[in-house]
Amino acid sequence: MKPLTLTQAAEFLQFHPNWVRQEAKAGRIPGRKIGREWRFVEEDLVVFIRSGYPESRQAPLVEVSSCQSSKEEVRGGLISQRRAESVLDARLKRKKERKPRSSTTN
């Protein structure tokens, strides 16, 4: 895990430091203000960049089995929070059963 200063994060993202500061302050870029200085983690910035990729450009699904009883889906080793939430929502969503139609009409 490599911590970055605001200037280093801006260079890594190739944006102006003021823009990076505003986005981090708004919570759109993962970062934390420690005292008077902003700190960022390089891996978090990579996830931030990848989360903006269209679905077709993301790494293909790879099935990983840590033990025989459980299997997990992993997308290129890293997965965006939004994608992880949608996968979780899909797994937790109850399947709606169709109600039987009445054969009589009113």
C-alpha atoms as a PDB file:
ATOM      1  CA  MET A   1       0.000   0.000   0.000  1.00  0.00           C
ATOM      2  CA  LYS A   2       1.551   3.255  -1.128  1.00  0.00           C
ATOM      3  CA  PRO A   3       0.302   6.548   0.372  1.00  0.00           C
ATOM      4  CA  LEU A   4       0.385   9.613  -1.869  1.00  0.00           C
ATOM      5  CA  THR A   5       0.256  13.337  -1.183  1.00  0.00           C
ATOM      6  CA  LEU A   6      -2.193  15.571  -3.024  1.00  0.00           C
ATOM      7  CA  THR A   7       0.461  16.557  -5.563  1.00  0.00           C
ATOM      8  CA  GLN A   8       1.505  12.945  -6.147  1.00  0.00           C
ATOM      9  CA  ALA A   9      -2.129  11.834  -6.510  1.00  0.00           C
ATOM     10  CA  ALA A  10      -2.745  14.649  -9.018  1.00  0.00           C
ATOM     11  CA  GLU A  11       0.308  13.560 -11.030  1.00  0.00           C
ATOM     12  CA  PHE A  12      -0.837   9.934 -10.898  1.00  0.00           C
ATOM     13  CA  LEU A  13      -4.346  10.859 -12.105  1.00  0.00           C
ATOM     14  CA  GLN A  14      -2.949  13.463 -14.508  1.00  0.00           C
ATOM     15  CA  PHE A  15      -5.258  16.199 -13.212  1.00  0.00           C
ATOM     16  CA  HIS A  16      -4.677  19.554 -11.556  1.00  0.00           C
ATOM     17  CA  PRO A  17      -4.212  19.351  -7.757  1.00  0.00           C
ATOM     18  CA  ASN A  18      -7.095  21.780  -7.166  1.00  0.00           C
ATOM     19  CA  TRP A  19      -9.490  19.486  -9.064  1.00  0.00           C
ATOM     20  CA  VAL A  20      -8.276  16.439  -7.107  1.00  0.00           C
ATOM     21  CA  ARG A  21      -8.745  18.359  -3.835  1.00  0.00           C
ATOM     22  CA  GLN A  22     -12.297  19.390  -4.762  1.00  0.00           C
ATOM     23  CA  GLU A  23     -13.261  15.864  -5.824  1.00  0.00           C
ATOM     24  CA  ALA A  24     -11.773  14.339  -2.663  1.00  0.00           C
ATOM     25  CA  LYS A  25     -13.503  16.946  -0.500  1.00  0.00           C
ATOM     26  CA  ALA A  26     -16.829  16.061  -2.198  1.00  0.00           C
ATOM     27  CA  GLY A  27     -16.166  12.333  -1.626  1.00  0.00           C
ATOM     28  CA  ARG A  28     -15.935  11.414  -5.299  1.00  0.00           C
ATOM     29  CA  ILE A  29     -12.248  10.440  -5.096  1.00  0.00           C
ATOM     30  CA  PRO A  30     -11.123   8.194  -2.231  1.00  0.00           C
ATOM     31  CA  GLY A  31      -8.860  10.176   0.049  1.00  0.00           C
ATOM     32  CA  ARG A  32      -8.532  11.432   3.587  1.00  0.00           C
ATOM     33  CA  LYS A  33      -7.470  14.679   5.112  1.00  0.00           C
ATOM     34  CA  ILE A  34      -5.004  14.132   7.938  1.00  0.00           C
ATOM     35  CA  GLY A  35      -4.397  17.398   9.708  1.00  0.00           C
ATOM     36  CA  ARG A  36      -3.979  19.930   6.929  1.00  0.00           C
ATOM     37  CA  GLU A  37      -2.779  17.474   4.305  1.00  0.00           C
ATOM     38  CA  TRP A  38      -4.689  15.159   1.972  1.00  0.00           C
ATOM     39  CA  ARG A  39      -3.518  11.553   1.679  1.00  0.00           C
ATOM     40  CA  PHE A  40      -4.473   9.016  -0.969  1.00  0.00           C
ATOM     41  CA  VAL A  41      -3.712   5.320  -1.475  1.00  0.00           C
ATOM     42  CA  GLU A  42      -2.470   4.430  -4.955  1.00  0.00           C
ATOM     43  CA  GLU A  43      -4.510   1.191  -5.107  1.00  0.00           C
ATOM     44  CA  ASP A  44      -7.703   3.130  -4.230  1.00  0.00           C
ATOM     45  CA  LEU A  45      -7.022   5.555  -7.076  1.00  0.00           C
ATOM     46  CA  VAL A  46      -6.597   2.636  -9.487  1.00  0.00           C
ATOM     47  CA  VAL A  47      -9.983   1.253  -8.351  1.00  0.00           C
ATOM     48  CA  PHE A  48     -11.474   4.745  -8.801  1.00  0.00           C
ATOM     49  CA  ILE A  49     -10.195   4.873 -12.388  1.00  0.00           C
ATOM     50  CA  ARG A  50     -11.380   1.345 -13.182  1.00  0.00           C
ATOM     51  CA  SER A  51     -14.833   2.002 -11.741  1.00  0.00           C
ATOM     52  CA  GLY A  52     -15.425   4.429 -14.599  1.00  0.00           C
ATOM     53  CA  TYR A  53     -14.750   1.838 -17.284  1.00  0.00           C
ATOM     54  CA  PRO A  54     -17.716   0.743 -19.362  1.00  0.00           C
ATOM     55  CA  GLU A  55     -18.803  -2.838 -18.602  1.00  0.00           C
ATOM     56  CA  SER A  56     -17.449  -4.094 -21.945  1.00  0.00           C
ATOM     57  CA  ARG A  57     -13.928  -2.835 -21.160  1.00  0.00           C
ATOM     58  CA  GLN A  58     -13.617  -4.431 -17.728  1.00  0.00           C
ATOM     59  CA  ALA A  59     -11.626  -7.601 -17.198  1.00  0.00           C
ATOM     60  CA  PRO A  60     -13.573 -10.828 -17.816  1.00  0.00           C
ATOM     61  CA  LEU A  61     -15.107 -12.734 -14.918  1.00  0.00           C
ATOM     62  CA  VAL A  62     -12.842 -15.338 -13.395  1.00  0.00           C
ATOM     63  CA  GLU A  63     -14.226 -18.005 -11.114  1.00  0.00           C
ATOM     64  CA  VAL A  64     -12.082 -18.482  -8.025  1.00  0.00           C
ATOM     65  CA  SER A  65     -12.648 -21.284  -5.553  1.00  0.00           C
ATOM     66  CA  SER A  66     -11.121 -20.817  -2.116  1.00  0.00           C
ATOM     67  CA  CYS A  67     -12.704 -24.033  -0.871  1.00  0.00           C
ATOM     68  CA  GLN A  68     -14.976 -26.647  -2.338  1.00  0.00           C
ATOM     69  CA  SER A  69     -18.160 -25.269  -0.780  1.00  0.00           C
ATOM     70  CA  SER A  70     -17.892 -21.637  -1.889  1.00  0.00           C
ATOM     71  CA  LYS A  71     -17.160 -19.922  -5.169  1.00  0.00           C
ATOM     72  CA  GLU A  72     -16.728 -16.206  -5.714  1.00  0.00           C
ATOM     73  CA  GLU A  73     -16.826 -14.052  -8.813  1.00  0.00           C
ATOM     74  CA  VAL A  74     -13.813 -11.817  -9.241  1.00  0.00           C
ATOM     75  CA  ARG A  75     -13.420  -9.253 -12.010  1.00  0.00           C
ATOM     76  CA  GLY A  76      -9.737  -8.904 -12.794  1.00  0.00           C
ATOM     77  CA  GLY A  77      -8.814  -9.043  -9.120  1.00  0.00           C
ATOM     78  CA  LEU A  78     -10.341  -5.633  -8.418  1.00  0.00           C
ATOM     79  CA  ILE A  79     -13.997  -4.701  -8.489  1.00  0.00           C
ATOM     80  CA  SER A  80     -15.601  -1.300  -8.105  1.00  0.00           C
ATOM     81  CA  GLN A  81     -17.869  -0.657  -5.159  1.00  0.00           C
ATOM     82  CA  ARG A  82     -20.797   0.097  -7.468  1.00  0.00           C
ATOM     83  CA  ARG A  83     -20.284  -3.214  -9.331  1.00  0.00           C
ATOM     84  CA  ALA A  84     -19.891  -5.138  -6.078  1.00  0.00           C
ATOM     85  CA  GLU A  85     -23.134  -3.636  -4.773  1.00  0.00           C
ATOM     86  CA  SER A  86     -25.030  -4.535  -7.951  1.00  0.00           C
ATOM     87  CA  VAL A  87     -23.723  -8.131  -7.846  1.00  0.00           C
ATOM     88  CA  LEU A  88     -24.734  -8.382  -4.192  1.00  0.00           C
ATOM     89  CA  ASP A  89     -28.167  -6.876  -4.891  1.00  0.00           C
ATOM     90  CA  ALA A  90     -28.723  -9.360  -7.714  1.00  0.00           C
ATOM     91  CA  ARG A  91     -27.823 -12.268  -5.452  1.00  0.00           C
ATOM     92  CA  LEU A  92     -30.025 -11.059  -2.615  1.00  0.00           C
ATOM     93  CA  LYS A  93     -33.018 -10.117  -4.756  1.00  0.00           C
ATOM     94  CA  ARG A  94     -35.928 -12.438  -4.284  1.00  0.00           C
ATOM     95  CA  LYS A  95     -37.178 -14.018  -7.413  1.00  0.00           C
ATOM     96  CA  LYS A  96     -40.758 -13.036  -8.004  1.00  0.00           C
ATOM     97  CA  GLU A  97     -43.032 -15.932  -8.683  1.00  0.00           C
ATOM     98  CA  ARG A  98     -45.847 -15.528 -11.134  1.00  0.00           C
ATOM     99  CA  LYS A  99     -49.269 -15.810  -9.612  1.00  0.00           C
ATOM    100  CA  PRO A 100     -51.472 -18.414 -11.258  1.00  0.00           C
ATOM    101  CA  ARG A 101     -53.962 -16.855 -13.629  1.00  0.00           C
ATOM    102  CA  SER A 102     -57.590 -17.399 -13.038  1.00  0.00           C
ATOM    103  CA  SER A 103     -59.294 -19.386 -15.768  1.00  0.00           C
ATOM    104  CA  THR A 104     -62.581 -17.598 -15.218  1.00  0.00           C
ATOM    105  CA  THR A 105     -63.396 -14.108 -16.393  1.00  0.00           C
ATOM    106  CA  ASN A 106     -65.651 -11.600 -14.707  1.00  0.00           C
END
